[in-house]
């Protein structure tokens, strides 16, 4: 099985300056990872790069692979990732139940929308 995540010399620019510069990281499938650090060190940018909310500079010698693939449909990608972030809390509605918040993860969303139809397996996992 390929590594969950491989970053090689990844640089992400936010505004006028690099938020990540020449970052290399490898996370094996099945590993649990916690990203810690002081404010402004690039934690959120790293997570947003993994979830494809931010994109690294395309340049020679730089690569980003998730489960061995460089290109993903972001909705398909997010079905493979479990990321907990305070940024997600702001996107949840105040009338969401805990059950709905967990179910929304099966749809790579922050709430259950009318076009979402949870399957029996989803409900059993919740």
PDB file of N, CA and C in Angstrom:
ATOM      1  N   UNK A   1       0.850  -1.182   0.000  1.00  0.00           N
ATOM      2  CA  UNK A   1       0.000   0.000   0.000  1.00  0.00           C
ATOM      3  C   UNK A   1       0.893   1.242   0.000  1.00  0.00           C
ATOM      4  N   UNK A   2       0.548   2.230  -0.818  1.00  0.00           N
ATOM      5  CA  UNK A   2       1.371   3.451  -0.851  1.00  0.00           C
ATOM      6  C   UNK A   2       1.188   4.247   0.439  1.00  0.00           C
ATOM      7  N   UNK A   3       2.117   5.150   0.729  1.00  0.00           N
ATOM      8  CA  UNK A   3       1.950   6.016   1.901  1.00  0.00           C
ATOM      9  C   UNK A   3       0.661   6.831   1.784  1.00  0.00           C
ATOM     10  N   UNK A   4       0.093   7.176   2.921  1.00  0.00           N
ATOM     11  CA  UNK A   4      -1.083   8.038   2.919  1.00  0.00           C
ATOM     12  C   UNK A   4      -0.738   9.378   2.292  1.00  0.00           C
ATOM     13  N   UNK A   5       0.403   9.929   2.697  1.00  0.00           N
ATOM     14  CA  UNK A   5       0.779  11.261   2.240  1.00  0.00           C
ATOM     15  C   UNK A   5       2.273  11.338   2.002  1.00  0.00           C
ATOM     16  N   UNK A   6       2.650  11.928   0.880  1.00  0.00           N
ATOM     17  CA  UNK A   6       4.053  12.227   0.577  1.00  0.00           C
ATOM     18  C   UNK A   6       4.139  13.658   0.064  1.00  0.00           C
ATOM     19  N   UNK A   7       4.879  14.474   0.766  1.00  0.00           N
ATOM     20  CA  UNK A   7       5.181  15.824   0.311  1.00  0.00           C
ATOM     21  C   UNK A   7       6.674  15.897   0.070  1.00  0.00           C
ATOM     22  N   UNK A   8       7.067  16.438  -1.067  1.00  0.00           N
ATOM     23  CA  UNK A   8       8.482  16.608  -1.393  1.00  0.00           C
ATOM     24  C   UNK A   8       8.716  18.062  -1.793  1.00  0.00           C
ATOM     25  N   UNK A   9       9.454  18.783  -0.966  1.00  0.00           N
ATOM     26  CA  UNK A   9       9.816  20.181  -1.253  1.00  0.00           C
ATOM     27  C   UNK A   9       8.616  21.036  -1.657  1.00  0.00           C
ATOM     28  N   UNK A  10       7.542  20.944  -0.885  1.00  0.00           N
ATOM     29  CA  UNK A  10       6.306  21.667  -1.182  1.00  0.00           C
ATOM     30  C   UNK A  10       6.379  23.088  -0.629  1.00  0.00           C
ATOM     31  N   UNK A  11       6.007  24.052  -1.466  1.00  0.00           N
ATOM     32  CA  UNK A  11       5.926  25.451  -1.064  1.00  0.00           C
ATOM     33  C   UNK A  11       4.527  25.964  -1.385  1.00  0.00           C
ATOM     34  N   UNK A  12       3.924  26.644  -0.415  1.00  0.00           N
ATOM     35  CA  UNK A  12       2.602  27.244  -0.587  1.00  0.00           C
ATOM     36  C   UNK A  12       2.725  28.724  -0.255  1.00  0.00           C
ATOM     37  N   UNK A  13       2.272  29.553  -1.168  1.00  0.00           N
ATOM     38  CA  UNK A  13       2.301  31.006  -0.971  1.00  0.00           C
ATOM     39  C   UNK A  13       0.905  31.463  -0.551  1.00  0.00           C
ATOM     40  N   UNK A  14       0.837  32.235   0.522  1.00  0.00           N
ATOM     41  CA  UNK A  14      -0.422  32.847   0.969  1.00  0.00           C
ATOM     42  C   UNK A  14      -0.174  34.343   1.026  1.00  0.00           C
ATOM     43  N   UNK A  15      -0.904  35.079   0.219  1.00  0.00           N
ATOM     44  CA  UNK A  15      -0.651  36.514   0.136  1.00  0.00           C
ATOM     45  C   UNK A  15       0.662  36.757  -0.587  1.00  0.00           C
ATOM     46  N   UNK A  16       1.559  37.449   0.042  1.00  0.00           N
ATOM     47  CA  UNK A  16       2.846  37.808  -0.564  1.00  0.00           C
ATOM     48  C   UNK A  16       4.001  36.923  -0.103  1.00  0.00           C
ATOM     49  N   UNK A  17       3.745  36.042   0.861  1.00  0.00           N
ATOM     50  CA  UNK A  17       4.873  35.305   1.440  1.00  0.00           C
ATOM     51  C   UNK A  17       4.589  33.806   1.530  1.00  0.00           C
ATOM     52  N   UNK A  18       5.645  33.013   1.633  1.00  0.00           N
ATOM     53  CA  UNK A  18       5.449  31.568   1.766  1.00  0.00           C
ATOM     54  C   UNK A  18       4.888  31.215   3.145  1.00  0.00           C
ATOM     55  N   UNK A  19       3.804  30.447   3.153  1.00  0.00           N
ATOM     56  CA  UNK A  19       3.254  29.922   4.405  1.00  0.00           C
ATOM     57  C   UNK A  19       3.905  28.580   4.716  1.00  0.00           C
ATOM     58  N   UNK A  20       4.268  27.845   3.673  1.00  0.00           N
ATOM     59  CA  UNK A  20       5.066  26.615   3.774  1.00  0.00           C
ATOM     60  C   UNK A  20       6.193  26.759   2.761  1.00  0.00           C
ATOM     61  N   UNK A  21       7.382  26.364   3.145  1.00  0.00           N
ATOM     62  CA  UNK A  21       8.509  26.486   2.212  1.00  0.00           C
ATOM     63  C   UNK A  21       9.360  25.227   2.253  1.00  0.00           C
ATOM     64  N   UNK A  22       9.432  24.546   1.103  1.00  0.00           N
ATOM     65  CA  UNK A  22      10.245  23.338   0.935  1.00  0.00           C
ATOM     66  C   UNK A  22       9.968  22.287   2.001  1.00  0.00           C
ATOM     67  N   UNK A  23       8.682  22.040   2.266  1.00  0.00           N
ATOM     68  CA  UNK A  23       8.282  21.058   3.273  1.00  0.00           C
ATOM     69  C   UNK A  23       8.294  19.666   2.655  1.00  0.00           C
ATOM     70  N   UNK A  24       8.916  18.730   3.347  1.00  0.00           N
ATOM     71  CA  UNK A  24       8.886  17.322   2.964  1.00  0.00           C
ATOM     72  C   UNK A  24       8.344  16.532   4.147  1.00  0.00           C
ATOM     73  N   UNK A  25       7.419  15.626   3.866  1.00  0.00           N
ATOM     74  CA  UNK A  25       6.742  14.876   4.919  1.00  0.00           C
ATOM     75  C   UNK A  25       6.221  13.584   4.330  1.00  0.00           C
ATOM     76  N   UNK A  26       6.292  12.521   5.109  1.00  0.00           N
ATOM     77  CA  UNK A  26       5.751  11.230   4.680  1.00  0.00           C
ATOM     78  C   UNK A  26       4.956  10.654   5.842  1.00  0.00           C
ATOM     79  N   UNK A  27       3.706  10.304   5.577  1.00  0.00           N
ATOM     80  CA  UNK A  27       2.846   9.679   6.573  1.00  0.00           C
ATOM     81  C   UNK A  27       2.369   8.360   5.986  1.00  0.00           C
ATOM     82  N   UNK A  28       2.646   7.285   6.688  1.00  0.00           N
ATOM     83  CA  UNK A  28       2.252   5.958   6.219  1.00  0.00           C
ATOM     84  C   UNK A  28       0.765   5.720   6.482  1.00  0.00           C
ATOM     85  N   UNK A  29       0.142   4.901   5.660  1.00  0.00           N
ATOM     86  CA  UNK A  29      -1.255   4.527   5.862  1.00  0.00           C
ATOM     87  C   UNK A  29      -1.392   3.875   7.238  1.00  0.00           C
ATOM     88  N   UNK A  30      -2.438   4.235   7.950  1.00  0.00           N
ATOM     89  CA  UNK A  30      -2.685   3.670   9.273  1.00  0.00           C
ATOM     90  C   UNK A  30      -2.075   4.456  10.417  1.00  0.00           C
ATOM     91  N   UNK A  31      -1.171   5.379  10.116  1.00  0.00           N
ATOM     92  CA  UNK A  31      -0.584   6.202  11.169  1.00  0.00           C
ATOM     93  C   UNK A  31      -1.593   7.261  11.613  1.00  0.00           C
ATOM     94  N   UNK A  32      -1.521   7.614  12.882  1.00  0.00           N
ATOM     95  CA  UNK A  32      -2.309   8.719  13.418  1.00  0.00           C
ATOM     96  C   UNK A  32      -1.351   9.871  13.633  1.00  0.00           C
ATOM     97  N   UNK A  33      -1.744  11.054  13.202  1.00  0.00           N
ATOM     98  CA  UNK A  33      -0.838  12.201  13.229  1.00  0.00           C
ATOM     99  C   UNK A  33      -1.546  13.386  13.875  1.00  0.00           C
ATOM    100  N   UNK A  34      -0.814  14.103  14.694  1.00  0.00           N
ATOM    101  CA  UNK A  34      -1.286  15.352  15.281  1.00  0.00           C
ATOM    102  C   UNK A  34      -0.294  16.436  14.882  1.00  0.00           C
ATOM    103  N   UNK A  35      -0.797  17.530  14.369  1.00  0.00           N
ATOM    104  CA  UNK A  35       0.068  18.624  13.930  1.00  0.00           C
ATOM    105  C   UNK A  35      -0.031  19.742  14.960  1.00  0.00           C
ATOM    106  N   UNK A  36       1.077  20.010  15.619  1.00  0.00           N
ATOM    107  CA  UNK A  36       1.137  21.016  16.682  1.00  0.00           C
ATOM    108  C   UNK A  36       2.169  22.073  16.339  1.00  0.00           C
ATOM    109  N   UNK A  37       1.979  23.270  16.853  1.00  0.00           N
ATOM    110  CA  UNK A  37       2.963  24.328  16.665  1.00  0.00           C
ATOM    111  C   UNK A  37       2.378  25.671  17.033  1.00  0.00           C
ATOM    112  N   UNK A  38       3.230  26.680  17.134  1.00  0.00           N
ATOM    113  CA  UNK A  38       2.762  28.018  17.505  1.00  0.00           C
ATOM    114  C   UNK A  38       1.938  28.660  16.385  1.00  0.00           C
ATOM    115  N   UNK A  39       1.213  29.709  16.744  1.00  0.00           N
ATOM    116  CA  UNK A  39       0.434  30.461  15.754  1.00  0.00           C
ATOM    117  C   UNK A  39       1.336  30.937  14.622  1.00  0.00           C
ATOM    118  N   UNK A  40       0.809  30.808  13.402  1.00  0.00           N
ATOM    119  CA  UNK A  40       1.526  31.340  12.250  1.00  0.00           C
ATOM    120  C   UNK A  40       2.618  30.460  11.686  1.00  0.00           C
ATOM    121  N   UNK A  41       2.744  29.218  12.187  1.00  0.00           N
ATOM    122  CA  UNK A  41       3.838  28.367  11.697  1.00  0.00           C
ATOM    123  C   UNK A  41       3.454  27.538  10.474  1.00  0.00           C
ATOM    124  N   UNK A  42       2.161  27.562  10.053  1.00  0.00           N
ATOM    125  CA  UNK A  42       1.764  26.858   8.836  1.00  0.00           C
ATOM    126  C   UNK A  42       0.911  25.622   9.044  1.00  0.00           C
ATOM    127  N   UNK A  43       0.451  25.370  10.266  1.00  0.00           N
ATOM    128  CA  UNK A  43      -0.366  24.178  10.531  1.00  0.00           C
ATOM    129  C   UNK A  43      -1.627  24.149   9.669  1.00  0.00           C
ATOM    130  N   UNK A  44      -2.384  25.230   9.708  1.00  0.00           N
ATOM    131  CA  UNK A  44      -3.636  25.282   8.938  1.00  0.00           C
ATOM    132  C   UNK A  44      -3.368  25.221   7.444  1.00  0.00           C
ATOM    133  N   UNK A  45      -2.313  25.862   7.000  1.00  0.00           N
ATOM    134  CA  UNK A  45      -1.962  25.815   5.578  1.00  0.00           C
ATOM    135  C   UNK A  45      -1.609  24.394   5.165  1.00  0.00           C
ATOM    136  N   UNK A  46      -0.896  23.669   6.011  1.00  0.00           N
ATOM    137  CA  UNK A  46      -0.563  22.276   5.710  1.00  0.00           C
ATOM    138  C   UNK A  46      -1.835  21.446   5.566  1.00  0.00           C
ATOM    139  N   UNK A  47      -2.755  21.571   6.516  1.00  0.00           N
ATOM    140  CA  UNK A  47      -4.007  20.817   6.451  1.00  0.00           C
ATOM    141  C   UNK A  47      -4.799  21.209   5.206  1.00  0.00           C
ATOM    142  N   UNK A  48      -4.891  22.493   4.920  1.00  0.00           N
ATOM    143  CA  UNK A  48      -5.642  22.950   3.749  1.00  0.00           C
ATOM    144  C   UNK A  48      -4.972  22.524   2.447  1.00  0.00           C
ATOM    145  N   UNK A  49      -3.684  22.329   2.468  1.00  0.00           N
ATOM    146  CA  UNK A  49      -2.985  21.819   1.286  1.00  0.00           C
ATOM    147  C   UNK A  49      -3.325  20.347   1.087  1.00  0.00           C
ATOM    148  N   UNK A  50      -3.360  19.590   2.176  1.00  0.00           N
ATOM    149  CA  UNK A  50      -3.709  18.167   2.091  1.00  0.00           C
ATOM    150  C   UNK A  50      -5.137  17.993   1.584  1.00  0.00           C
ATOM    151  N   UNK A  51      -6.058  18.820   2.066  1.00  0.00           N
ATOM    152  CA  UNK A  51      -7.465  18.697   1.659  1.00  0.00           C
ATOM    153  C   UNK A  51      -7.783  19.449   0.369  1.00  0.00           C
ATOM    154  N   UNK A  52      -6.771  20.033  -0.238  1.00  0.00           N
ATOM    155  CA  UNK A  52      -6.886  20.746  -1.515  1.00  0.00           C
ATOM    156  C   UNK A  52      -7.716  22.023  -1.414  1.00  0.00           C
ATOM    157  N   UNK A  53      -7.653  22.672  -0.262  1.00  0.00           N
ATOM    158  CA  UNK A  53      -8.213  24.014  -0.141  1.00  0.00           C
ATOM    159  C   UNK A  53      -7.154  25.045  -0.504  1.00  0.00           C
ATOM    160  N   UNK A  54      -5.885  24.665  -0.427  1.00  0.00           N
ATOM    161  CA  UNK A  54      -4.737  25.457  -0.881  1.00  0.00           C
ATOM    162  C   UNK A  54      -3.929  24.565  -1.821  1.00  0.00           C
ATOM    163  N   UNK A  55      -3.202  25.181  -2.717  1.00  0.00           N
ATOM    164  CA  UNK A  55      -2.407  24.408  -3.671  1.00  0.00           C
ATOM    165  C   UNK A  55      -0.950  24.834  -3.616  1.00  0.00           C
ATOM    166  N   UNK A  56      -0.045  23.849  -3.646  1.00  0.00           N
ATOM    167  CA  UNK A  56       1.386  24.187  -3.661  1.00  0.00           C
ATOM    168  C   UNK A  56       1.801  24.719  -5.027  1.00  0.00           C
ATOM    169  N   UNK A  57       2.923  25.430  -5.039  1.00  0.00           N
ATOM    170  CA  UNK A  57       3.499  25.879  -6.297  1.00  0.00           C
ATOM    171  C   UNK A  57       3.878  24.667  -7.130  1.00  0.00           C
ATOM    172  N   UNK A  58       3.609  24.732  -8.419  1.00  0.00           N
ATOM    173  CA  UNK A  58       4.020  23.671  -9.330  1.00  0.00           C
ATOM    174  C   UNK A  58       5.431  23.998  -9.791  1.00  0.00           C
ATOM    175  N   UNK A  59       6.385  23.181  -9.374  1.00  0.00           N
ATOM    176  CA  UNK A  59       7.770  23.427  -9.782  1.00  0.00           C
ATOM    177  C   UNK A  59       8.545  22.119  -9.776  1.00  0.00           C
ATOM    178  N   UNK A  60       9.617  22.104 -10.530  1.00  0.00           N
ATOM    179  CA  UNK A  60      10.445  20.909 -10.647  1.00  0.00           C
ATOM    180  C   UNK A  60      11.013  20.533  -9.282  1.00  0.00           C
ATOM    181  N   UNK A  61      10.991  19.237  -8.980  1.00  0.00           N
ATOM    182  CA  UNK A  61      11.523  18.750  -7.714  1.00  0.00           C
ATOM    183  C   UNK A  61      10.530  18.801  -6.571  1.00  0.00           C
ATOM    184  N   UNK A  62       9.302  19.237  -6.871  1.00  0.00           N
ATOM    185  CA  UNK A  62       8.257  19.331  -5.857  1.00  0.00           C
ATOM    186  C   UNK A  62       7.139  18.367  -6.229  1.00  0.00           C
ATOM    187  N   UNK A  63       6.613  17.652  -5.233  1.00  0.00           N
ATOM    188  CA  UNK A  63       5.522  16.713  -5.501  1.00  0.00           C
ATOM    189  C   UNK A  63       4.666  16.546  -4.260  1.00  0.00           C
ATOM    190  N   UNK A  64       3.402  16.229  -4.499  1.00  0.00           N
ATOM    191  CA  UNK A  64       2.483  15.917  -3.417  1.00  0.00           C
ATOM    192  C   UNK A  64       1.628  14.752  -3.869  1.00  0.00           C
ATOM    193  N   UNK A  65       1.711  13.655  -3.130  1.00  0.00           N
ATOM    194  CA  UNK A  65       0.932  12.462  -3.455  1.00  0.00           C
ATOM    195  C   UNK A  65       0.120  12.050  -2.234  1.00  0.00           C
ATOM    196  N   UNK A  66      -1.130  11.722  -2.479  1.00  0.00           N
ATOM    197  CA  UNK A  66      -2.003  11.194  -1.444  1.00  0.00           C
ATOM    198  C   UNK A  66      -2.453   9.827  -1.924  1.00  0.00           C
ATOM    199  N   UNK A  67      -2.170   8.808  -1.108  1.00  0.00           N
ATOM    200  CA  UNK A  67      -2.439   7.416  -1.480  1.00  0.00           C
ATOM    201  C   UNK A  67      -1.841   7.089  -2.847  1.00  0.00           C
ATOM    202  N   UNK A  68      -0.663   7.645  -3.103  1.00  0.00           N
ATOM    203  CA  UNK A  68       0.075   7.359  -4.325  1.00  0.00           C
ATOM    204  C   UNK A  68      -0.339   8.170  -5.540  1.00  0.00           C
ATOM    205  N   UNK A  69      -1.363   8.996  -5.407  1.00  0.00           N
ATOM    206  CA  UNK A  69      -1.870   9.762  -6.552  1.00  0.00           C
ATOM    207  C   UNK A  69      -1.580  11.246  -6.384  1.00  0.00           C
ATOM    208  N   UNK A  70      -1.216  11.892  -7.484  1.00  0.00           N
ATOM    209  CA  UNK A  70      -0.992  13.338  -7.467  1.00  0.00           C
ATOM    210  C   UNK A  70      -2.260  14.114  -7.807  1.00  0.00           C
ATOM    211  N   UNK A  71      -3.151  13.526  -8.568  1.00  0.00           N
ATOM    212  CA  UNK A  71      -4.377  14.220  -8.990  1.00  0.00           C
ATOM    213  C   UNK A  71      -5.596  13.518  -8.388  1.00  0.00           C
ATOM    214  N   UNK A  72      -6.497  14.337  -7.849  1.00  0.00           N
ATOM    215  CA  UNK A  72      -7.706  13.822  -7.212  1.00  0.00           C
ATOM    216  C   UNK A  72      -8.894  14.731  -7.529  1.00  0.00           C
ATOM    217  N   UNK A  73     -10.059  14.144  -7.592  1.00  0.00           N
ATOM    218  CA  UNK A  73     -11.293  14.893  -7.464  1.00  0.00           C
ATOM    219  C   UNK A  73     -11.412  15.182  -5.968  1.00  0.00           C
ATOM    220  N   UNK A  74     -11.576  16.454  -5.581  1.00  0.00           N
ATOM    221  CA  UNK A  74     -11.500  16.775  -4.152  1.00  0.00           C
ATOM    222  C   UNK A  74     -12.586  16.087  -3.340  1.00  0.00           C
ATOM    223  N   UNK A  75     -13.755  15.870  -3.903  1.00  0.00           N
ATOM    224  CA  UNK A  75     -14.816  15.210  -3.147  1.00  0.00           C
ATOM    225  C   UNK A  75     -14.472  13.741  -2.919  1.00  0.00           C
ATOM    226  N   UNK A  76     -13.884  13.096  -3.915  1.00  0.00           N
ATOM    227  CA  UNK A  76     -13.438  11.713  -3.733  1.00  0.00           C
ATOM    228  C   UNK A  76     -12.312  11.656  -2.706  1.00  0.00           C
ATOM    229  N   UNK A  77     -11.359  12.574  -2.815  1.00  0.00           N
ATOM    230  CA  UNK A  77     -10.242  12.610  -1.876  1.00  0.00           C
ATOM    231  C   UNK A  77     -10.734  12.720  -0.445  1.00  0.00           C
ATOM    232  N   UNK A  78     -11.659  13.622  -0.197  1.00  0.00           N
ATOM    233  CA  UNK A  78     -12.115  13.873   1.172  1.00  0.00           C
ATOM    234  C   UNK A  78     -12.854  12.693   1.776  1.00  0.00           C
ATOM    235  N   UNK A  79     -13.339  11.754   0.946  1.00  0.00           N
ATOM    236  CA  UNK A  79     -13.954  10.546   1.508  1.00  0.00           C
ATOM    237  C   UNK A  79     -12.908   9.617   2.102  1.00  0.00           C
ATOM    238  N   UNK A  80     -11.637   9.836   1.784  1.00  0.00           N
ATOM    239  CA  UNK A  80     -10.548   9.001   2.296  1.00  0.00           C
ATOM    240  C   UNK A  80      -9.850   9.607   3.509  1.00  0.00           C
ATOM    241  N   UNK A  81     -10.164  10.851   3.840  1.00  0.00           N
ATOM    242  CA  UNK A  81      -9.458  11.555   4.910  1.00  0.00           C
ATOM    243  C   UNK A  81     -10.379  11.810   6.093  1.00  0.00           C
ATOM    244  N   UNK A  82      -9.822  11.750   7.284  1.00  0.00           N
ATOM    245  CA  UNK A  82     -10.536  12.132   8.499  1.00  0.00           C
ATOM    246  C   UNK A  82      -9.743  13.212   9.193  1.00  0.00           C
ATOM    247  N   UNK A  83     -10.179  14.440   9.080  1.00  0.00           N
ATOM    248  CA  UNK A  83      -9.434  15.569   9.629  1.00  0.00           C
ATOM    249  C   UNK A  83     -10.341  16.331  10.580  1.00  0.00           C
ATOM    250  N   UNK A  84      -9.825  16.591  11.769  1.00  0.00           N
ATOM    251  CA  UNK A  84     -10.551  17.369  12.767  1.00  0.00           C
ATOM    252  C   UNK A  84      -9.873  18.722  12.862  1.00  0.00           C
ATOM    253  N   UNK A  85     -10.646  19.777  12.687  1.00  0.00           N
ATOM    254  CA  UNK A  85     -10.080  21.124  12.681  1.00  0.00           C
ATOM    255  C   UNK A  85     -11.081  22.105  13.277  1.00  0.00           C
ATOM    256  N   UNK A  86     -10.608  23.087  14.047  1.00  0.00           N
ATOM    257  CA  UNK A  86     -11.529  24.108  14.561  1.00  0.00           C
ATOM    258  C   UNK A  86     -12.207  24.895  13.438  1.00  0.00           C
ATOM    259  N   UNK A  87     -11.572  24.991  12.279  1.00  0.00           N
ATOM    260  CA  UNK A  87     -12.183  25.694  11.146  1.00  0.00           C
ATOM    261  C   UNK A  87     -13.505  25.048  10.740  1.00  0.00           C
ATOM    262  N   UNK A  88     -13.609  23.725  10.908  1.00  0.00           N
ATOM    263  CA  UNK A  88     -14.832  23.024  10.525  1.00  0.00           C
ATOM    264  C   UNK A  88     -16.000  23.405  11.422  1.00  0.00           C
ATOM    265  N   UNK A  89     -15.725  23.706  12.686  1.00  0.00           N
ATOM    266  CA  UNK A  89     -16.787  24.063  13.623  1.00  0.00           C
ATOM    267  C   UNK A  89     -17.564  25.281  13.135  1.00  0.00           C
ATOM    268  N   UNK A  90     -16.872  26.237  12.565  1.00  0.00           N
ATOM    269  CA  UNK A  90     -17.525  27.455  12.077  1.00  0.00           C
ATOM    270  C   UNK A  90     -18.476  27.164  10.918  1.00  0.00           C
ATOM    271  N   UNK A  91     -18.268  26.055  10.219  1.00  0.00           N
ATOM    272  CA  UNK A  91     -19.107  25.714   9.074  1.00  0.00           C
ATOM    273  C   UNK A  91     -20.341  24.906   9.463  1.00  0.00           C
ATOM    274  N   UNK A  92     -20.377  24.398  10.691  1.00  0.00           N
ATOM    275  CA  UNK A  92     -21.514  23.595  11.149  1.00  0.00           C
ATOM    276  C   UNK A  92     -22.645  24.517  11.585  1.00  0.00           C
ATOM    277  N   UNK A  93     -23.861  24.109  11.302  1.00  0.00           N
ATOM    278  CA  UNK A  93     -25.008  24.908  11.725  1.00  0.00           C
ATOM    279  C   UNK A  93     -25.307  24.630  13.189  1.00  0.00           C
ATOM    280  N   UNK A  94     -25.900  25.605  13.851  1.00  0.00           N
ATOM    281  CA  UNK A  94     -26.189  25.445  15.279  1.00  0.00           C
ATOM    282  C   UNK A  94     -27.331  24.473  15.529  1.00  0.00           C
ATOM    283  N   UNK A  95     -28.127  24.186  14.507  1.00  0.00           N
ATOM    284  CA  UNK A  95     -29.227  23.242  14.701  1.00  0.00           C
ATOM    285  C   UNK A  95     -28.847  21.809  14.320  1.00  0.00           C
ATOM    286  N   UNK A  96     -27.585  21.573  13.986  1.00  0.00           N
ATOM    287  CA  UNK A  96     -27.131  20.222  13.650  1.00  0.00           C
ATOM    288  C   UNK A  96     -27.031  19.380  14.917  1.00  0.00           C
ATOM    289  N   UNK A  97     -27.514  18.165  14.831  1.00  0.00           N
ATOM    290  CA  UNK A  97     -27.345  17.229  15.944  1.00  0.00           C
ATOM    291  C   UNK A  97     -25.970  16.581  15.828  1.00  0.00           C
ATOM    292  N   UNK A  98     -25.497  15.991  16.901  1.00  0.00           N
ATOM    293  CA  UNK A  98     -24.230  15.264  16.852  1.00  0.00           C
ATOM    294  C   UNK A  98     -24.275  14.165  15.806  1.00  0.00           C
ATOM    295  N   UNK A  99     -25.407  13.492  15.709  1.00  0.00           N
ATOM    296  CA  UNK A  99     -25.595  12.422  14.720  1.00  0.00           C
ATOM    297  C   UNK A  99     -25.411  12.966  13.307  1.00  0.00           C
ATOM    298  N   UNK A 100     -26.030  14.125  13.019  1.00  0.00           N
ATOM    299  CA  UNK A 100     -25.921  14.711  11.682  1.00  0.00           C
ATOM    300  C   UNK A 100     -24.495  15.154  11.367  1.00  0.00           C
ATOM    301  N   UNK A 101     -23.794  15.673  12.363  1.00  0.00           N
ATOM    302  CA  UNK A 101     -22.405  16.085  12.147  1.00  0.00           C
ATOM    303  C   UNK A 101     -21.564  14.877  11.760  1.00  0.00           C
ATOM    304  N   UNK A 102     -21.745  13.756  12.480  1.00  0.00           N
ATOM    305  CA  UNK A 102     -20.986  12.541  12.157  1.00  0.00           C
ATOM    306  C   UNK A 102     -21.398  12.013  10.787  1.00  0.00           C
ATOM    307  N   UNK A 103     -22.690  11.963  10.514  1.00  0.00           N
ATOM    308  CA  UNK A 103     -23.165  11.493   9.205  1.00  0.00           C
ATOM    309  C   UNK A 103     -22.640  12.350   8.064  1.00  0.00           C
ATOM    310  N   UNK A 104     -22.515  13.647   8.278  1.00  0.00           N
ATOM    311  CA  UNK A 104     -22.046  14.530   7.208  1.00  0.00           C
ATOM    312  C   UNK A 104     -20.653  14.145   6.730  1.00  0.00           C
ATOM    313  N   UNK A 105     -19.865  13.543   7.603  1.00  0.00           N
ATOM    314  CA  UNK A 105     -18.531  13.097   7.211  1.00  0.00           C
ATOM    315  C   UNK A 105     -18.548  12.066   6.094  1.00  0.00           C
ATOM    316  N   UNK A 106     -19.595  11.263   6.027  1.00  0.00           N
ATOM    317  CA  UNK A 106     -19.700  10.275   4.947  1.00  0.00           C
ATOM    318  C   UNK A 106     -19.892  10.939   3.586  1.00  0.00           C
ATOM    319  N   UNK A 107     -20.306  12.195   3.598  1.00  0.00           N
ATOM    320  CA  UNK A 107     -20.561  12.918   2.358  1.00  0.00           C
ATOM    321  C   UNK A 107     -19.537  14.022   2.118  1.00  0.00           C
ATOM    322  N   UNK A 108     -18.469  14.034   2.910  1.00  0.00           N
ATOM    323  CA  UNK A 108     -17.415  15.049   2.786  1.00  0.00           C
ATOM    324  C   UNK A 108     -18.006  16.454   2.839  1.00  0.00           C
ATOM    325  N   UNK A 109     -18.945  16.643   3.744  1.00  0.00           N
ATOM    326  CA  UNK A 109     -19.583  17.949   3.878  1.00  0.00           C
ATOM    327  C   UNK A 109     -19.636  18.330   5.355  1.00  0.00           C
ATOM    328  N   UNK A 110     -20.186  19.488   5.621  1.00  0.00           N
ATOM    329  CA  UNK A 110     -20.280  19.950   7.006  1.00  0.00           C
ATOM    330  C   UNK A 110     -21.707  19.874   7.541  1.00  0.00           C
ATOM    331  N   UNK A 111     -22.625  19.410   6.711  1.00  0.00           N
ATOM    332  CA  UNK A 111     -23.998  19.210   7.165  1.00  0.00           C
ATOM    333  C   UNK A 111     -24.663  18.208   6.226  1.00  0.00           C
ATOM    334  N   UNK A 112     -25.829  17.728   6.616  1.00  0.00           N
ATOM    335  CA  UNK A 112     -26.602  16.829   5.759  1.00  0.00           C
ATOM    336  C   UNK A 112     -27.504  17.698   4.877  1.00  0.00           C
ATOM    337  N   UNK A 113     -27.288  17.612   3.585  1.00  0.00           N
ATOM    338  CA  UNK A 113     -28.084  18.366   2.627  1.00  0.00           C
ATOM    339  C   UNK A 113     -29.215  17.486   2.098  1.00  0.00           C
ATOM    340  N   UNK A 114     -30.258  18.082   1.501  1.00  0.00           N
ATOM    341  CA  UNK A 114     -31.393  17.290   1.011  1.00  0.00           C
ATOM    342  C   UNK A 114     -31.008  16.195   0.017  1.00  0.00           C
ATOM    343  N   UNK A 115     -29.948  16.388  -0.753  1.00  0.00           N
ATOM    344  CA  UNK A 115     -29.562  15.370  -1.734  1.00  0.00           C
ATOM    345  C   UNK A 115     -28.731  14.243  -1.112  1.00  0.00           C
ATOM    346  N   UNK A 116     -28.406  14.338   0.178  1.00  0.00           N
ATOM    347  CA  UNK A 116     -27.677  13.269   0.867  1.00  0.00           C
ATOM    348  C   UNK A 116     -28.672  12.231   1.383  1.00  0.00           C
ATOM    349  N   UNK A 117     -28.369  10.997   1.112  1.00  0.00           N
ATOM    350  CA  UNK A 117     -29.225   9.903   1.561  1.00  0.00           C
ATOM    351  C   UNK A 117     -28.355   8.870   2.271  1.00  0.00           C
ATOM    352  N   UNK A 118     -28.264   8.961   3.607  1.00  0.00           N
ATOM    353  CA  UNK A 118     -27.426   8.005   4.341  1.00  0.00           C
ATOM    354  C   UNK A 118     -27.912   6.569   4.140  1.00  0.00           C
ATOM    355  N   UNK A 119     -26.964   5.675   3.942  1.00  0.00           N
ATOM    356  CA  UNK A 119     -27.267   4.256   3.806  1.00  0.00           C
ATOM    357  C   UNK A 119     -27.328   3.617   5.187  1.00  0.00           C
ATOM    358  N   UNK A 120     -27.881   2.446   5.251  1.00  0.00           N
ATOM    359  CA  UNK A 120     -27.987   1.713   6.514  1.00  0.00           C
ATOM    360  C   UNK A 120     -26.613   1.550   7.165  1.00  0.00           C
ATOM    361  N   UNK A 121     -25.578   1.272   6.342  1.00  0.00           N
ATOM    362  CA  UNK A 121     -24.222   1.100   6.888  1.00  0.00           C
ATOM    363  C   UNK A 121     -23.738   2.382   7.565  1.00  0.00           C
ATOM    364  N   UNK A 122     -24.064   3.526   6.983  1.00  0.00           N
ATOM    365  CA  UNK A 122     -23.688   4.809   7.593  1.00  0.00           C
ATOM    366  C   UNK A 122     -24.331   4.941   8.965  1.00  0.00           C
ATOM    367  N   UNK A 123     -25.620   4.662   9.022  1.00  0.00           N
ATOM    368  CA  UNK A 123     -26.349   4.799  10.282  1.00  0.00           C
ATOM    369  C   UNK A 123     -25.820   3.832  11.336  1.00  0.00           C
ATOM    370  N   UNK A 124     -25.429   2.634  10.920  1.00  0.00           N
ATOM    371  CA  UNK A 124     -24.874   1.663  11.869  1.00  0.00           C
ATOM    372  C   UNK A 124     -23.533   2.126  12.410  1.00  0.00           C
ATOM    373  N   UNK A 125     -22.720   2.774  11.585  1.00  0.00           N
ATOM    374  CA  UNK A 125     -21.423   3.279  12.044  1.00  0.00           C
ATOM    375  C   UNK A 125     -21.585   4.422  13.038  1.00  0.00           C
ATOM    376  N   UNK A 126     -22.629   5.236  12.839  1.00  0.00           N
ATOM    377  CA  UNK A 126     -22.862   6.372  13.733  1.00  0.00           C
ATOM    378  C   UNK A 126     -23.310   5.851  15.073  1.00  0.00           C
TER     379      UNK A 126
END
